Amino acid sequence: QWDNHPRKRGFTLVELLVVIALIGLITFLALPSIQSVFQVSLQSATRELASVIKEAYNSSMITDRVHRVAYDLKESQFWVESGPPTALLETSESLEKKKRRERFSLFRKKDQGEPVPEFTLERSITRNKKSLPRGVKFAEVFTEKSADPLTEGIVYTHIFPSGITERTLLHLEDSQAHKLPLAIESLTGRTEMM
C-alpha cells in the first residue's frame, strides 16, 4: 500500500551543506584575483595619467604655449588645456583682479562680443575629458600653491614652455583603499610612481 505513492525527491541537509561549502571555497580562492583586478586598474590609471602629463610637457615645449593638466576630484576625470605663453599661475591677488575685471566687464558695450577663454581643451592630447576607471578616484592632490591637501574641486598642474612644471603630488585610490602616489617633478616634468 505504501509503494503506490511516489516518494517526494529533494536534497538532503548534507548535500546542501556540501554545495554551500564548495561555493564558499571557490569564493575564497577567487577573491584575491578579483582584488588584483582593482589593483591593476589603479596602476593602469596612474600610468595613463603619467603618459598624458608627459605628452602635455612635450607639447608645451614644441608649441610654446602654457599647458595645464586639470584634475576634477569630484567627477574623477582629467584633461589637458592650453593657453597663451604669457599665462601665469593664479594667485589670490590675480584672482581678485580677475574678479574686478569681470565685474566691470558687465558694463561693456554689447558689440564687443564674448571674451575669449584664456585656456581651452587641448584636443591633440585629450580629445575630451578622460574618466578614471571604475572604482579609482583622486584621493588628494598636493601642489606648490596649496599648503593643505586638496580633496575637492578642480586642481591644475601648470606646464610652461620653458620646461618648468608646477610640482604636484597626486594620490589615486581604489575602492579597497589602496593608494598609489604619482609625483610630478618641477624642473623636468618627469612623473614618478612611488
N, C-alpha and C. Protein backbone atom coordinates (compact mmCIF):
# COMPACT_ATOMS: atom_id res chain seq x y z
N GLN A 1 0.81 -1.18 0.00
CA GLN A 1 0.00 0.00 0.00
C GLN A 1 0.86 1.26 0.00
N TRP A 2 1.97 1.22 0.66
CA TRP A 2 2.84 2.38 0.68
C TRP A 2 3.63 2.52 -0.62
N ASP A 3 3.81 1.49 -1.37
CA ASP A 3 4.60 1.52 -2.57
C ASP A 3 3.90 2.22 -3.72
N ASN A 4 2.59 2.39 -3.65
CA ASN A 4 1.85 3.04 -4.73
C ASN A 4 2.07 4.55 -4.78
N HIS A 5 2.44 5.17 -3.70
CA HIS A 5 2.67 6.61 -3.64
C HIS A 5 4.13 6.92 -3.96
N PRO A 6 4.38 7.76 -4.98
CA PRO A 6 5.77 8.09 -5.28
C PRO A 6 6.38 8.96 -4.17
N ARG A 7 7.66 8.72 -3.91
CA ARG A 7 8.34 9.50 -2.87
C ARG A 7 8.68 10.88 -3.41
N LYS A 8 8.59 11.87 -2.55
CA LYS A 8 9.00 13.23 -2.91
C LYS A 8 10.51 13.27 -2.91
N ARG A 9 11.06 13.80 -4.01
CA ARG A 9 12.51 13.87 -4.13
C ARG A 9 12.96 15.27 -3.73
N GLY A 10 14.13 15.38 -3.11
CA GLY A 10 14.70 16.65 -2.70
C GLY A 10 16.13 16.45 -2.27
N PHE A 11 16.76 17.52 -1.85
CA PHE A 11 18.14 17.45 -1.41
C PHE A 11 18.16 17.25 0.10
N THR A 12 19.11 16.44 0.52
CA THR A 12 19.26 16.24 1.95
C THR A 12 20.06 17.39 2.53
N LEU A 13 20.06 17.50 3.82
CA LEU A 13 20.79 18.55 4.50
C LEU A 13 22.30 18.43 4.25
N VAL A 14 22.81 17.24 4.19
CA VAL A 14 24.23 17.01 3.95
C VAL A 14 24.61 17.49 2.55
N GLU A 15 23.79 17.20 1.56
CA GLU A 15 24.06 17.65 0.19
C GLU A 15 24.07 19.18 0.11
N LEU A 16 23.13 19.84 0.76
CA LEU A 16 23.09 21.30 0.77
C LEU A 16 24.33 21.89 1.44
N LEU A 17 24.77 21.30 2.54
CA LEU A 17 25.96 21.79 3.23
C LEU A 17 27.21 21.62 2.38
N VAL A 18 27.31 20.54 1.64
CA VAL A 18 28.46 20.31 0.76
C VAL A 18 28.49 21.36 -0.35
N VAL A 19 27.34 21.66 -0.94
CA VAL A 19 27.27 22.67 -2.01
C VAL A 19 27.64 24.05 -1.46
N ILE A 20 27.12 24.42 -0.30
CA ILE A 20 27.45 25.71 0.30
C ILE A 20 28.93 25.79 0.62
N ALA A 21 29.52 24.71 1.11
CA ALA A 21 30.96 24.70 1.41
C ALA A 21 31.77 24.87 0.13
N LEU A 22 31.37 24.22 -0.96
CA LEU A 22 32.09 24.38 -2.24
C LEU A 22 31.99 25.81 -2.77
N ILE A 23 30.82 26.41 -2.67
CA ILE A 23 30.66 27.80 -3.11
C ILE A 23 31.55 28.72 -2.27
N GLY A 24 31.59 28.51 -0.97
CA GLY A 24 32.45 29.31 -0.10
C GLY A 24 33.92 29.14 -0.43
N LEU A 25 34.35 27.90 -0.73
CA LEU A 25 35.75 27.64 -1.07
C LEU A 25 36.13 28.32 -2.39
N ILE A 26 35.27 28.24 -3.38
CA ILE A 26 35.53 28.88 -4.68
C ILE A 26 35.61 30.40 -4.50
N THR A 27 34.70 30.98 -3.73
CA THR A 27 34.72 32.42 -3.48
C THR A 27 36.00 32.83 -2.76
N PHE A 28 36.40 32.04 -1.77
CA PHE A 28 37.63 32.34 -1.02
C PHE A 28 38.85 32.31 -1.93
N LEU A 29 38.90 31.38 -2.87
CA LEU A 29 40.04 31.27 -3.77
C LEU A 29 40.00 32.34 -4.86
N ALA A 30 38.82 32.78 -5.27
CA ALA A 30 38.71 33.76 -6.36
C ALA A 30 38.85 35.19 -5.87
N LEU A 31 38.62 35.46 -4.59
CA LEU A 31 38.65 36.83 -4.07
C LEU A 31 39.99 37.54 -4.28
N PRO A 32 41.14 36.91 -4.05
CA PRO A 32 42.40 37.63 -4.31
C PRO A 32 42.57 38.04 -5.77
N SER A 33 42.11 37.22 -6.70
CA SER A 33 42.25 37.59 -8.12
C SER A 33 41.32 38.75 -8.47
N ILE A 34 40.16 38.84 -7.84
CA ILE A 34 39.26 39.97 -8.07
C ILE A 34 39.89 41.25 -7.52
N GLN A 35 40.51 41.15 -6.35
CA GLN A 35 41.18 42.32 -5.78
C GLN A 35 42.36 42.77 -6.63
N SER A 36 43.06 41.82 -7.25
CA SER A 36 44.18 42.19 -8.10
C SER A 36 43.71 42.92 -9.35
N VAL A 37 42.49 42.66 -9.80
CA VAL A 37 41.94 43.40 -10.94
C VAL A 37 41.81 44.87 -10.59
N PHE A 38 41.33 45.18 -9.38
CA PHE A 38 41.23 46.57 -8.95
C PHE A 38 42.62 47.20 -8.83
N GLN A 39 43.60 46.42 -8.36
CA GLN A 39 44.96 46.93 -8.23
C GLN A 39 45.53 47.24 -9.61
N VAL A 40 45.24 46.39 -10.60
CA VAL A 40 45.69 46.64 -11.97
C VAL A 40 45.03 47.91 -12.51
N SER A 41 43.75 48.13 -12.21
CA SER A 41 43.07 49.35 -12.65
C SER A 41 43.74 50.58 -12.07
N LEU A 42 44.13 50.51 -10.82
CA LEU A 42 44.80 51.64 -10.16
C LEU A 42 46.14 51.92 -10.83
N GLN A 43 46.90 50.88 -11.10
CA GLN A 43 48.21 51.06 -11.73
C GLN A 43 48.08 51.54 -13.18
N SER A 44 47.12 50.99 -13.92
CA SER A 44 46.95 51.42 -15.31
C SER A 44 46.46 52.87 -15.38
N ALA A 45 45.59 53.27 -14.45
CA ALA A 45 45.13 54.66 -14.42
C ALA A 45 46.29 55.60 -14.12
N THR A 46 47.16 55.20 -13.21
CA THR A 46 48.32 56.03 -12.87
C THR A 46 49.28 56.13 -14.06
N ARG A 47 49.50 55.01 -14.75
CA ARG A 47 50.38 55.04 -15.93
C ARG A 47 49.79 55.91 -17.04
N GLU A 48 48.48 55.81 -17.26
CA GLU A 48 47.84 56.63 -18.30
C GLU A 48 47.95 58.12 -17.96
N LEU A 49 47.73 58.46 -16.70
CA LEU A 49 47.85 59.84 -16.26
C LEU A 49 49.28 60.35 -16.43
N ALA A 50 50.26 59.53 -16.10
CA ALA A 50 51.67 59.90 -16.27
C ALA A 50 51.98 60.12 -17.74
N SER A 51 51.41 59.31 -18.60
CA SER A 51 51.63 59.45 -20.04
C SER A 51 51.03 60.76 -20.57
N VAL A 52 49.83 61.10 -20.10
CA VAL A 52 49.19 62.34 -20.52
C VAL A 52 50.00 63.55 -20.05
N ILE A 53 50.52 63.50 -18.84
CA ILE A 53 51.33 64.60 -18.31
C ILE A 53 52.60 64.77 -19.14
N LYS A 54 53.25 63.67 -19.49
CA LYS A 54 54.47 63.74 -20.31
C LYS A 54 54.14 64.30 -21.70
N GLU A 55 53.03 63.89 -22.27
CA GLU A 55 52.62 64.41 -23.58
C GLU A 55 52.32 65.91 -23.51
N ALA A 56 51.70 66.35 -22.42
CA ALA A 56 51.43 67.78 -22.24
C ALA A 56 52.74 68.56 -22.09
N TYR A 57 53.69 67.99 -21.38
CA TYR A 57 55.01 68.62 -21.21
C TYR A 57 55.68 68.80 -22.58
N ASN A 58 55.69 67.73 -23.37
CA ASN A 58 56.33 67.80 -24.70
C ASN A 58 55.60 68.79 -25.60
N SER A 59 54.29 68.79 -25.57
CA SER A 59 53.51 69.70 -26.41
C SER A 59 53.75 71.16 -26.01
N SER A 60 53.89 71.41 -24.73
CA SER A 60 54.16 72.77 -24.26
C SER A 60 55.49 73.28 -24.78
N MET A 61 56.49 72.41 -24.80
CA MET A 61 57.81 72.79 -25.30
C MET A 61 57.78 73.04 -26.81
N ILE A 62 57.03 72.21 -27.54
CA ILE A 62 57.01 72.31 -29.00
C ILE A 62 56.18 73.50 -29.47
N THR A 63 55.01 73.70 -28.86
CA THR A 63 54.08 74.74 -29.34
C THR A 63 54.32 76.10 -28.71
N ASP A 64 55.18 76.16 -27.69
CA ASP A 64 55.47 77.41 -26.99
C ASP A 64 54.20 78.00 -26.36
N ARG A 65 53.35 77.12 -25.83
CA ARG A 65 52.14 77.54 -25.13
C ARG A 65 52.13 76.91 -23.74
N VAL A 66 51.50 77.60 -22.80
CA VAL A 66 51.35 77.06 -21.46
C VAL A 66 50.27 75.98 -21.51
N HIS A 67 50.55 74.85 -20.92
CA HIS A 67 49.57 73.77 -20.81
C HIS A 67 49.28 73.56 -19.33
N ARG A 68 48.11 73.05 -19.07
CA ARG A 68 47.80 72.66 -17.69
C ARG A 68 46.97 71.39 -17.72
N VAL A 69 47.29 70.51 -16.80
CA VAL A 69 46.53 69.27 -16.64
C VAL A 69 45.51 69.54 -15.54
N ALA A 70 44.25 69.31 -15.88
CA ALA A 70 43.16 69.57 -14.92
C ALA A 70 42.70 68.24 -14.33
N TYR A 71 42.50 68.23 -13.01
CA TYR A 71 42.01 67.06 -12.29
C TYR A 71 40.69 67.44 -11.62
N ASP A 72 39.61 66.84 -12.05
CA ASP A 72 38.31 67.07 -11.41
C ASP A 72 38.17 66.02 -10.32
N LEU A 73 38.34 66.44 -9.07
CA LEU A 73 38.38 65.50 -7.96
C LEU A 73 37.02 64.89 -7.67
N LYS A 74 35.95 65.62 -7.94
CA LYS A 74 34.61 65.10 -7.67
C LYS A 74 34.18 64.08 -8.73
N GLU A 75 34.43 64.38 -9.99
CA GLU A 75 33.98 63.52 -11.09
C GLU A 75 35.01 62.46 -11.48
N SER A 76 36.20 62.49 -10.85
CA SER A 76 37.29 61.55 -11.16
C SER A 76 37.64 61.59 -12.65
N GLN A 77 37.84 62.80 -13.16
CA GLN A 77 38.21 63.00 -14.55
C GLN A 77 39.46 63.86 -14.64
N PHE A 78 40.13 63.79 -15.79
CA PHE A 78 41.28 64.65 -16.04
C PHE A 78 41.34 64.98 -17.53
N TRP A 79 41.99 66.11 -17.85
CA TRP A 79 42.13 66.55 -19.23
C TRP A 79 43.25 67.58 -19.29
N VAL A 80 43.64 67.94 -20.52
CA VAL A 80 44.71 68.92 -20.72
C VAL A 80 44.13 70.14 -21.42
N GLU A 81 44.52 71.31 -20.94
CA GLU A 81 44.12 72.58 -21.55
C GLU A 81 45.39 73.33 -21.96
N SER A 82 45.27 74.19 -22.97
CA SER A 82 46.41 75.02 -23.37
C SER A 82 45.98 76.48 -23.38
N GLY A 83 46.95 77.35 -23.15
CA GLY A 83 46.69 78.78 -23.12
C GLY A 83 47.86 79.54 -23.71
N PRO A 84 47.79 80.85 -23.67
CA PRO A 84 48.85 81.67 -24.26
C PRO A 84 50.17 81.52 -23.48
N PRO A 85 51.29 81.79 -24.14
CA PRO A 85 52.58 81.66 -23.45
C PRO A 85 52.76 82.66 -22.32
N THR A 86 51.92 83.68 -22.27
CA THR A 86 52.04 84.69 -21.21
C THR A 86 51.21 84.36 -19.98
N ALA A 87 50.50 83.23 -19.99
CA ALA A 87 49.66 82.86 -18.84
C ALA A 87 50.53 82.60 -17.62
N LEU A 88 50.06 83.04 -16.48
CA LEU A 88 50.79 82.88 -15.23
C LEU A 88 49.97 82.04 -14.27
N LEU A 89 50.63 81.55 -13.24
CA LEU A 89 49.91 80.85 -12.19
C LEU A 89 49.00 81.82 -11.47
N GLU A 90 47.80 81.37 -11.16
CA GLU A 90 46.86 82.25 -10.47
C GLU A 90 47.16 82.26 -8.98
N THR A 91 47.27 83.45 -8.44
CA THR A 91 47.44 83.63 -7.00
C THR A 91 46.18 84.29 -6.47
N SER A 92 46.10 84.48 -5.19
CA SER A 92 44.92 85.13 -4.62
C SER A 92 44.78 86.56 -5.15
N GLU A 93 45.92 87.25 -5.35
CA GLU A 93 45.86 88.62 -5.87
C GLU A 93 45.39 88.64 -7.32
N SER A 94 45.90 87.69 -8.14
CA SER A 94 45.49 87.67 -9.55
C SER A 94 44.03 87.27 -9.68
N LEU A 95 43.56 86.40 -8.81
CA LEU A 95 42.13 86.03 -8.85
C LEU A 95 41.25 87.22 -8.48
N GLU A 96 41.70 88.03 -7.52
CA GLU A 96 40.95 89.22 -7.13
C GLU A 96 40.88 90.22 -8.28
N LYS A 97 41.99 90.43 -8.98
CA LYS A 97 41.99 91.33 -10.14
C LYS A 97 41.06 90.80 -11.23
N LYS A 98 41.09 89.51 -11.43
CA LYS A 98 40.23 88.90 -12.45
C LYS A 98 38.75 89.12 -12.11
N LYS A 99 38.39 88.98 -10.84
CA LYS A 99 37.00 89.21 -10.42
C LYS A 99 36.59 90.66 -10.65
N ARG A 100 37.51 91.59 -10.34
CA ARG A 100 37.19 93.01 -10.57
C ARG A 100 36.99 93.30 -12.05
N ARG A 101 37.86 92.73 -12.89
CA ARG A 101 37.71 92.92 -14.34
C ARG A 101 36.38 92.37 -14.83
N GLU A 102 36.00 91.19 -14.33
CA GLU A 102 34.72 90.59 -14.74
C GLU A 102 33.55 91.44 -14.27
N ARG A 103 33.67 92.01 -13.08
CA ARG A 103 32.60 92.85 -12.55
C ARG A 103 32.43 94.09 -13.43
N PHE A 104 33.54 94.72 -13.81
CA PHE A 104 33.47 95.91 -14.65
C PHE A 104 33.15 95.58 -16.10
N SER A 105 33.40 94.33 -16.50
CA SER A 105 33.10 93.96 -17.89
C SER A 105 31.59 93.83 -18.10
N LEU A 106 30.83 93.80 -17.02
CA LEU A 106 29.36 93.75 -17.17
C LEU A 106 28.84 95.04 -17.79
N PHE A 107 29.63 96.12 -17.66
CA PHE A 107 29.19 97.42 -18.18
C PHE A 107 29.71 97.70 -19.59
N ARG A 108 30.39 96.73 -20.20
CA ARG A 108 30.95 96.98 -21.53
C ARG A 108 29.85 97.01 -22.59
N LYS A 109 30.20 97.50 -23.74
CA LYS A 109 29.24 97.61 -24.82
C LYS A 109 28.90 96.23 -25.36
N LYS A 110 27.71 96.07 -25.85
CA LYS A 110 27.26 94.78 -26.33
C LYS A 110 27.94 94.37 -27.62
N ASP A 111 28.47 95.29 -28.41
CA ASP A 111 29.07 94.94 -29.69
C ASP A 111 30.49 94.38 -29.54
N GLN A 112 31.00 94.29 -28.32
CA GLN A 112 32.35 93.74 -28.13
C GLN A 112 32.36 92.22 -28.16
N GLY A 113 31.23 91.58 -28.00
CA GLY A 113 31.16 90.13 -28.05
C GLY A 113 31.61 89.48 -26.75
N GLU A 114 31.62 88.15 -26.78
CA GLU A 114 32.02 87.39 -25.60
C GLU A 114 33.54 87.34 -25.48
N PRO A 115 34.06 87.39 -24.26
CA PRO A 115 35.51 87.30 -24.10
C PRO A 115 36.00 85.89 -24.46
N VAL A 116 37.20 85.81 -25.00
CA VAL A 116 37.78 84.53 -25.37
C VAL A 116 38.37 83.89 -24.10
N PRO A 117 38.07 82.62 -23.83
CA PRO A 117 38.64 82.00 -22.63
C PRO A 117 40.16 81.88 -22.75
N GLU A 118 40.83 82.04 -21.62
CA GLU A 118 42.29 82.02 -21.63
C GLU A 118 42.82 80.61 -21.93
N PHE A 119 42.23 79.59 -21.33
CA PHE A 119 42.63 78.20 -21.54
C PHE A 119 41.50 77.44 -22.21
N THR A 120 41.86 76.60 -23.18
CA THR A 120 40.89 75.76 -23.88
C THR A 120 41.39 74.32 -23.89
N LEU A 121 40.47 73.40 -24.08
CA LEU A 121 40.80 71.98 -24.12
C LEU A 121 41.80 71.72 -25.24
N GLU A 122 42.88 71.05 -24.92
CA GLU A 122 43.91 70.71 -25.90
C GLU A 122 43.56 69.36 -26.53
N ARG A 123 42.90 69.42 -27.68
CA ARG A 123 42.36 68.21 -28.31
C ARG A 123 43.44 67.31 -28.91
N SER A 124 44.64 67.82 -29.10
CA SER A 124 45.70 66.96 -29.63
C SER A 124 46.21 65.98 -28.57
N ILE A 125 45.94 66.25 -27.30
CA ILE A 125 46.40 65.38 -26.22
C ILE A 125 45.22 64.58 -25.65
N THR A 126 44.21 65.29 -25.17
CA THR A 126 43.00 64.63 -24.68
C THR A 126 41.83 65.18 -25.49
N ARG A 127 41.24 64.35 -26.29
CA ARG A 127 40.14 64.80 -27.16
C ARG A 127 38.95 65.29 -26.34
N ASN A 128 38.79 64.72 -25.16
CA ASN A 128 37.73 65.15 -24.24
C ASN A 128 38.18 64.80 -22.82
N LYS A 129 37.32 65.00 -21.89
CA LYS A 129 37.66 64.69 -20.50
C LYS A 129 37.74 63.17 -20.34
N LYS A 130 38.82 62.71 -19.73
CA LYS A 130 39.02 61.27 -19.53
C LYS A 130 38.61 60.91 -18.12
N SER A 131 37.88 59.83 -17.99
CA SER A 131 37.46 59.36 -16.68
C SER A 131 38.43 58.29 -16.18
N LEU A 132 38.64 58.29 -14.88
CA LEU A 132 39.42 57.22 -14.27
C LEU A 132 38.59 55.93 -14.31
N PRO A 133 39.25 54.77 -14.28
CA PRO A 133 38.48 53.51 -14.29
C PRO A 133 37.53 53.43 -13.09
N ARG A 134 36.50 52.62 -13.25
CA ARG A 134 35.51 52.45 -12.18
C ARG A 134 36.21 51.99 -10.90
N GLY A 135 35.89 52.63 -9.81
CA GLY A 135 36.47 52.28 -8.52
C GLY A 135 37.75 53.02 -8.19
N VAL A 136 38.28 53.82 -9.14
CA VAL A 136 39.51 54.59 -8.91
C VAL A 136 39.13 56.07 -8.85
N LYS A 137 39.72 56.78 -7.89
CA LYS A 137 39.42 58.21 -7.73
C LYS A 137 40.68 58.94 -7.29
N PHE A 138 40.63 60.28 -7.40
CA PHE A 138 41.68 61.11 -6.85
C PHE A 138 41.40 61.26 -5.36
N ALA A 139 42.29 60.75 -4.51
CA ALA A 139 42.09 60.87 -3.07
C ALA A 139 42.42 62.27 -2.60
N GLU A 140 43.59 62.76 -3.02
CA GLU A 140 44.02 64.11 -2.64
C GLU A 140 45.14 64.55 -3.58
N VAL A 141 45.31 65.87 -3.67
CA VAL A 141 46.33 66.44 -4.54
C VAL A 141 47.08 67.51 -3.74
N PHE A 142 48.40 67.48 -3.82
CA PHE A 142 49.24 68.49 -3.20
C PHE A 142 49.89 69.28 -4.34
N THR A 143 49.84 70.61 -4.28
CA THR A 143 50.52 71.45 -5.26
C THR A 143 51.40 72.45 -4.52
N GLU A 144 52.23 73.15 -5.27
CA GLU A 144 53.09 74.16 -4.66
C GLU A 144 52.28 75.32 -4.09
N LYS A 145 51.10 75.58 -4.67
CA LYS A 145 50.29 76.72 -4.24
C LYS A 145 49.48 76.44 -2.99
N SER A 146 49.28 75.17 -2.65
CA SER A 146 48.41 74.85 -1.51
C SER A 146 49.22 74.23 -0.38
N ALA A 147 49.02 74.74 0.80
CA ALA A 147 49.71 74.20 1.97
C ALA A 147 49.04 72.90 2.43
N ASP A 148 47.74 72.81 2.25
CA ASP A 148 46.97 71.63 2.67
C ASP A 148 46.61 70.79 1.46
N PRO A 149 46.34 69.49 1.67
CA PRO A 149 45.92 68.66 0.53
C PRO A 149 44.56 69.11 0.00
N LEU A 150 44.42 69.08 -1.31
CA LEU A 150 43.15 69.44 -1.95
C LEU A 150 42.35 68.17 -2.18
N THR A 151 41.09 68.17 -1.76
CA THR A 151 40.27 66.97 -1.87
C THR A 151 38.97 67.21 -2.63
N GLU A 152 38.74 68.44 -3.10
CA GLU A 152 37.52 68.72 -3.86
C GLU A 152 37.78 69.82 -4.88
N GLY A 153 36.91 69.89 -5.87
CA GLY A 153 37.04 70.92 -6.89
C GLY A 153 37.91 70.47 -8.04
N ILE A 154 38.37 71.43 -8.83
CA ILE A 154 39.25 71.17 -9.96
C ILE A 154 40.62 71.74 -9.62
N VAL A 155 41.64 70.91 -9.76
CA VAL A 155 43.01 71.28 -9.43
C VAL A 155 43.84 71.21 -10.71
N TYR A 156 44.83 72.10 -10.84
CA TYR A 156 45.64 72.17 -12.06
C TYR A 156 47.11 71.96 -11.77
N THR A 157 47.81 71.34 -12.74
CA THR A 157 49.26 71.32 -12.79
C THR A 157 49.65 72.10 -14.03
N HIS A 158 50.35 73.22 -13.85
CA HIS A 158 50.75 74.07 -14.98
C HIS A 158 52.10 73.64 -15.52
N ILE A 159 52.21 73.66 -16.85
CA ILE A 159 53.45 73.30 -17.54
C ILE A 159 53.79 74.46 -18.47
N PHE A 160 54.96 75.06 -18.26
CA PHE A 160 55.35 76.25 -19.02
C PHE A 160 56.28 75.88 -20.18
N PRO A 161 56.28 76.68 -21.25
CA PRO A 161 57.11 76.37 -22.42
C PRO A 161 58.61 76.29 -22.12
N SER A 162 59.04 76.91 -21.04
CA SER A 162 60.46 76.85 -20.67
C SER A 162 60.84 75.50 -20.08
N GLY A 163 59.85 74.66 -19.80
CA GLY A 163 60.11 73.35 -19.22
C GLY A 163 59.82 73.28 -17.73
N ILE A 164 59.55 74.42 -17.12
CA ILE A 164 59.22 74.45 -15.70
C ILE A 164 57.80 73.91 -15.53
N THR A 165 57.65 73.05 -14.57
CA THR A 165 56.35 72.43 -14.29
C THR A 165 56.01 72.66 -12.83
N GLU A 166 54.76 72.89 -12.57
CA GLU A 166 54.32 73.05 -11.18
C GLU A 166 54.42 71.70 -10.47
N ARG A 167 55.20 71.65 -9.40
CA ARG A 167 55.38 70.40 -8.66
C ARG A 167 54.03 69.97 -8.07
N THR A 168 53.69 68.72 -8.30
CA THR A 168 52.39 68.20 -7.87
C THR A 168 52.56 66.77 -7.36
N LEU A 169 51.81 66.43 -6.34
CA LEU A 169 51.76 65.06 -5.84
C LEU A 169 50.30 64.63 -5.83
N LEU A 170 50.00 63.60 -6.61
CA LEU A 170 48.63 63.08 -6.72
C LEU A 170 48.56 61.75 -5.97
N HIS A 171 47.48 61.54 -5.25
CA HIS A 171 47.22 60.24 -4.63
C HIS A 171 45.96 59.69 -5.26
N LEU A 172 46.12 58.58 -6.00
CA LEU A 172 44.98 57.88 -6.57
C LEU A 172 44.62 56.75 -5.63
N GLU A 173 43.33 56.46 -5.52
CA GLU A 173 42.86 55.46 -4.56
C GLU A 173 41.79 54.61 -5.21
N ASP A 174 41.82 53.30 -4.92
CA ASP A 174 40.78 52.42 -5.44
C ASP A 174 39.74 52.13 -4.36
N SER A 175 38.76 51.30 -4.70
CA SER A 175 37.65 51.06 -3.77
C SER A 175 38.08 50.25 -2.54
N GLN A 176 39.24 49.58 -2.59
CA GLN A 176 39.75 48.84 -1.42
C GLN A 176 40.70 49.72 -0.59
N ALA A 177 40.73 51.02 -0.85
CA ALA A 177 41.55 52.00 -0.13
C ALA A 177 43.05 51.80 -0.37
N HIS A 178 43.43 51.15 -1.48
CA HIS A 178 44.83 51.10 -1.88
C HIS A 178 45.17 52.45 -2.51
N LYS A 179 46.25 53.07 -2.09
CA LYS A 179 46.66 54.36 -2.65
C LYS A 179 47.94 54.19 -3.45
N LEU A 180 48.02 54.95 -4.54
CA LEU A 180 49.22 54.96 -5.36
C LEU A 180 49.57 56.41 -5.66
N PRO A 181 50.68 56.91 -5.11
CA PRO A 181 51.06 58.30 -5.35
C PRO A 181 51.78 58.47 -6.69
N LEU A 182 51.55 59.60 -7.32
CA LEU A 182 52.22 59.98 -8.56
C LEU A 182 52.80 61.37 -8.35
N ALA A 183 54.13 61.48 -8.43
CA ALA A 183 54.82 62.76 -8.22
C ALA A 183 55.24 63.34 -9.55
N ILE A 184 55.04 64.65 -9.72
CA ILE A 184 55.46 65.37 -10.91
C ILE A 184 56.57 66.33 -10.49
N GLU A 185 57.75 66.15 -11.10
CA GLU A 185 58.90 66.99 -10.75
C GLU A 185 58.80 68.35 -11.43
N SER A 186 59.34 69.35 -10.77
CA SER A 186 59.16 70.72 -11.27
C SER A 186 60.09 71.11 -12.40
N LEU A 187 61.31 70.63 -12.43
CA LEU A 187 62.24 71.07 -13.47
C LEU A 187 62.13 70.28 -14.76
N THR A 188 61.86 69.00 -14.65
CA THR A 188 61.86 68.16 -15.84
C THR A 188 60.47 67.73 -16.29
N GLY A 189 59.48 67.91 -15.43
CA GLY A 189 58.13 67.45 -15.77
C GLY A 189 58.01 65.94 -15.71
N ARG A 190 59.04 65.28 -15.21
CA ARG A 190 59.05 63.83 -15.12
C ARG A 190 58.07 63.35 -14.05
N THR A 191 57.40 62.24 -14.33
CA THR A 191 56.47 61.67 -13.35
C THR A 191 57.08 60.41 -12.77
N GLU A 192 56.75 60.17 -11.51
CA GLU A 192 57.29 59.00 -10.83
C GLU A 192 56.22 58.40 -9.94
N MET A 193 55.96 57.10 -10.16
CA MET A 193 55.04 56.38 -9.27
C MET A 193 55.84 55.94 -8.06
N MET A 194 55.29 56.22 -6.89
CA MET A 194 56.03 55.89 -5.66
C MET A 194 55.45 54.67 -5.01
